[in-house]
Amino acid sequence: MPRDLAILACTECKRRNYTTTRNKKTQTERVELMKFCPFERKRTLHRETK
């Protein structure tokens, strides 16, 4: 199964807020999404962590 679980962390507060899935074959680099951070109370960039 090529889908993989990706944990997203906020770039400003460094907390892990979201999980999503990604296709390992089509997305080889790390996922970056604009998501709402409840600790910062604004939309920030979230990156995939290990």
N, C-alpha and C. Protein backbone atom coordinates (compact mmCIF):
# COMPACT_ATOMS: atom_id res chain seq x y z
N MET A 1 0.84 -1.18 0.00
CA MET A 1 0.00 0.00 0.00
C MET A 1 0.89 1.24 0.00
N PRO A 2 0.78 2.11 -1.00
CA PRO A 2 1.72 3.22 -1.12
C PRO A 2 1.39 4.42 -0.24
N ARG A 3 0.22 4.49 0.40
CA ARG A 3 -0.11 5.67 1.22
C ARG A 3 0.56 5.56 2.58
N ASP A 4 1.05 6.71 3.04
CA ASP A 4 1.83 6.76 4.27
C ASP A 4 1.25 7.84 5.18
N LEU A 5 1.30 7.62 6.48
CA LEU A 5 0.82 8.60 7.45
C LEU A 5 1.86 9.70 7.61
N ALA A 6 1.41 10.96 7.53
CA ALA A 6 2.30 12.11 7.68
C ALA A 6 1.82 12.95 8.86
N ILE A 7 2.75 13.26 9.78
CA ILE A 7 2.44 14.08 10.94
C ILE A 7 2.91 15.50 10.63
N LEU A 8 2.00 16.48 10.79
CA LEU A 8 2.31 17.86 10.46
C LEU A 8 2.58 18.66 11.73
N ALA A 9 3.69 19.43 11.72
CA ALA A 9 4.06 20.26 12.86
C ALA A 9 4.09 21.72 12.43
N CYS A 10 3.68 22.59 13.32
CA CYS A 10 3.67 24.03 13.05
C CYS A 10 5.11 24.53 12.98
N THR A 11 5.39 25.43 12.04
CA THR A 11 6.75 25.96 11.90
C THR A 11 7.05 27.04 12.93
N GLU A 12 6.02 27.63 13.53
CA GLU A 12 6.25 28.70 14.50
C GLU A 12 6.33 28.19 15.93
N CYS A 13 5.38 27.35 16.35
CA CYS A 13 5.40 26.87 17.74
C CYS A 13 5.99 25.46 17.86
N LYS A 14 6.24 24.79 16.74
CA LYS A 14 6.87 23.46 16.68
C LYS A 14 6.04 22.34 17.30
N ARG A 15 4.75 22.56 17.45
CA ARG A 15 3.88 21.52 18.01
C ARG A 15 3.27 20.71 16.89
N ARG A 16 3.04 19.44 17.15
CA ARG A 16 2.47 18.52 16.16
C ARG A 16 0.95 18.55 16.31
N ASN A 17 0.28 19.18 15.34
CA ASN A 17 -1.15 19.42 15.46
C ASN A 17 -2.01 18.52 14.59
N TYR A 18 -1.52 18.11 13.43
CA TYR A 18 -2.36 17.42 12.45
C TYR A 18 -1.69 16.16 11.93
N THR A 19 -2.53 15.23 11.46
CA THR A 19 -2.04 14.07 10.72
C THR A 19 -2.80 14.00 9.41
N THR A 20 -2.14 13.53 8.38
CA THR A 20 -2.75 13.35 7.07
C THR A 20 -2.04 12.19 6.39
N THR A 21 -2.52 11.81 5.22
CA THR A 21 -1.87 10.75 4.47
C THR A 21 -1.29 11.34 3.19
N ARG A 22 -0.26 10.67 2.69
CA ARG A 22 0.35 11.10 1.43
C ARG A 22 0.73 9.86 0.63
N ASN A 23 0.80 10.04 -0.67
CA ASN A 23 1.20 8.95 -1.56
C ASN A 23 2.72 9.00 -1.71
N LYS A 24 3.41 7.96 -1.27
CA LYS A 24 4.87 7.94 -1.29
C LYS A 24 5.44 7.94 -2.70
N LYS A 25 4.69 7.39 -3.65
CA LYS A 25 5.22 7.30 -5.01
C LYS A 25 5.13 8.62 -5.76
N THR A 26 4.08 9.39 -5.53
CA THR A 26 3.92 10.65 -6.26
C THR A 26 4.49 11.85 -5.51
N GLN A 27 4.47 11.82 -4.18
CA GLN A 27 5.01 12.91 -3.38
C GLN A 27 6.26 12.42 -2.66
N THR A 28 7.40 12.65 -3.26
CA THR A 28 8.64 12.16 -2.66
C THR A 28 9.20 13.14 -1.63
N GLU A 29 8.89 14.44 -1.75
CA GLU A 29 9.37 15.41 -0.78
C GLU A 29 8.36 15.54 0.37
N ARG A 30 8.74 16.30 1.39
CA ARG A 30 7.87 16.45 2.56
C ARG A 30 6.67 17.35 2.25
N VAL A 31 5.57 17.07 2.92
CA VAL A 31 4.32 17.80 2.70
C VAL A 31 4.37 19.11 3.48
N GLU A 32 3.94 20.21 2.82
CA GLU A 32 3.82 21.51 3.48
C GLU A 32 2.43 22.06 3.19
N LEU A 33 1.67 22.36 4.25
CA LEU A 33 0.31 22.85 4.11
C LEU A 33 0.08 24.04 5.04
N MET A 34 -0.77 24.97 4.60
CA MET A 34 -1.21 26.06 5.47
C MET A 34 -2.41 25.54 6.28
N LYS A 35 -2.24 25.46 7.59
CA LYS A 35 -3.28 24.96 8.48
C LYS A 35 -3.45 25.93 9.65
N PHE A 36 -4.59 25.83 10.34
CA PHE A 36 -4.83 26.66 11.51
C PHE A 36 -4.14 26.05 12.71
N CYS A 37 -3.32 26.86 13.40
CA CYS A 37 -2.66 26.41 14.63
C CYS A 37 -3.47 26.92 15.82
N PRO A 38 -4.04 26.03 16.63
CA PRO A 38 -4.85 26.49 17.76
C PRO A 38 -4.03 27.17 18.86
N PHE A 39 -2.73 26.91 18.93
CA PHE A 39 -1.90 27.52 19.96
C PHE A 39 -1.46 28.93 19.55
N GLU A 40 -1.23 29.15 18.26
CA GLU A 40 -0.90 30.47 17.75
C GLU A 40 -2.15 31.28 17.41
N ARG A 41 -3.28 30.59 17.26
CA ARG A 41 -4.57 31.19 16.91
C ARG A 41 -4.54 31.92 15.57
N LYS A 42 -3.84 31.31 14.59
CA LYS A 42 -3.79 31.86 13.24
C LYS A 42 -3.35 30.75 12.28
N ARG A 43 -3.47 31.02 10.99
CA ARG A 43 -3.03 30.06 9.97
C ARG A 43 -1.53 30.17 9.81
N THR A 44 -0.84 29.03 9.92
CA THR A 44 0.61 28.99 9.78
C THR A 44 0.99 27.83 8.88
N LEU A 45 2.22 27.82 8.44
CA LEU A 45 2.74 26.74 7.62
C LEU A 45 3.04 25.54 8.49
N HIS A 46 2.53 24.38 8.09
CA HIS A 46 2.78 23.13 8.80
C HIS A 46 3.58 22.21 7.86
N ARG A 47 4.65 21.63 8.39
CA ARG A 47 5.50 20.73 7.61
C ARG A 47 5.45 19.32 8.19
N GLU A 48 5.72 18.38 7.32
CA GLU A 48 5.74 16.98 7.74
C GLU A 48 6.99 16.71 8.58
N THR A 49 6.82 15.99 9.68
CA THR A 49 7.93 15.60 10.55
C THR A 49 8.13 14.10 10.49
N LYS A 50 9.20 13.64 11.04
CA LYS A 50 9.49 12.20 11.07
C LYS A 50 8.66 11.50 12.12
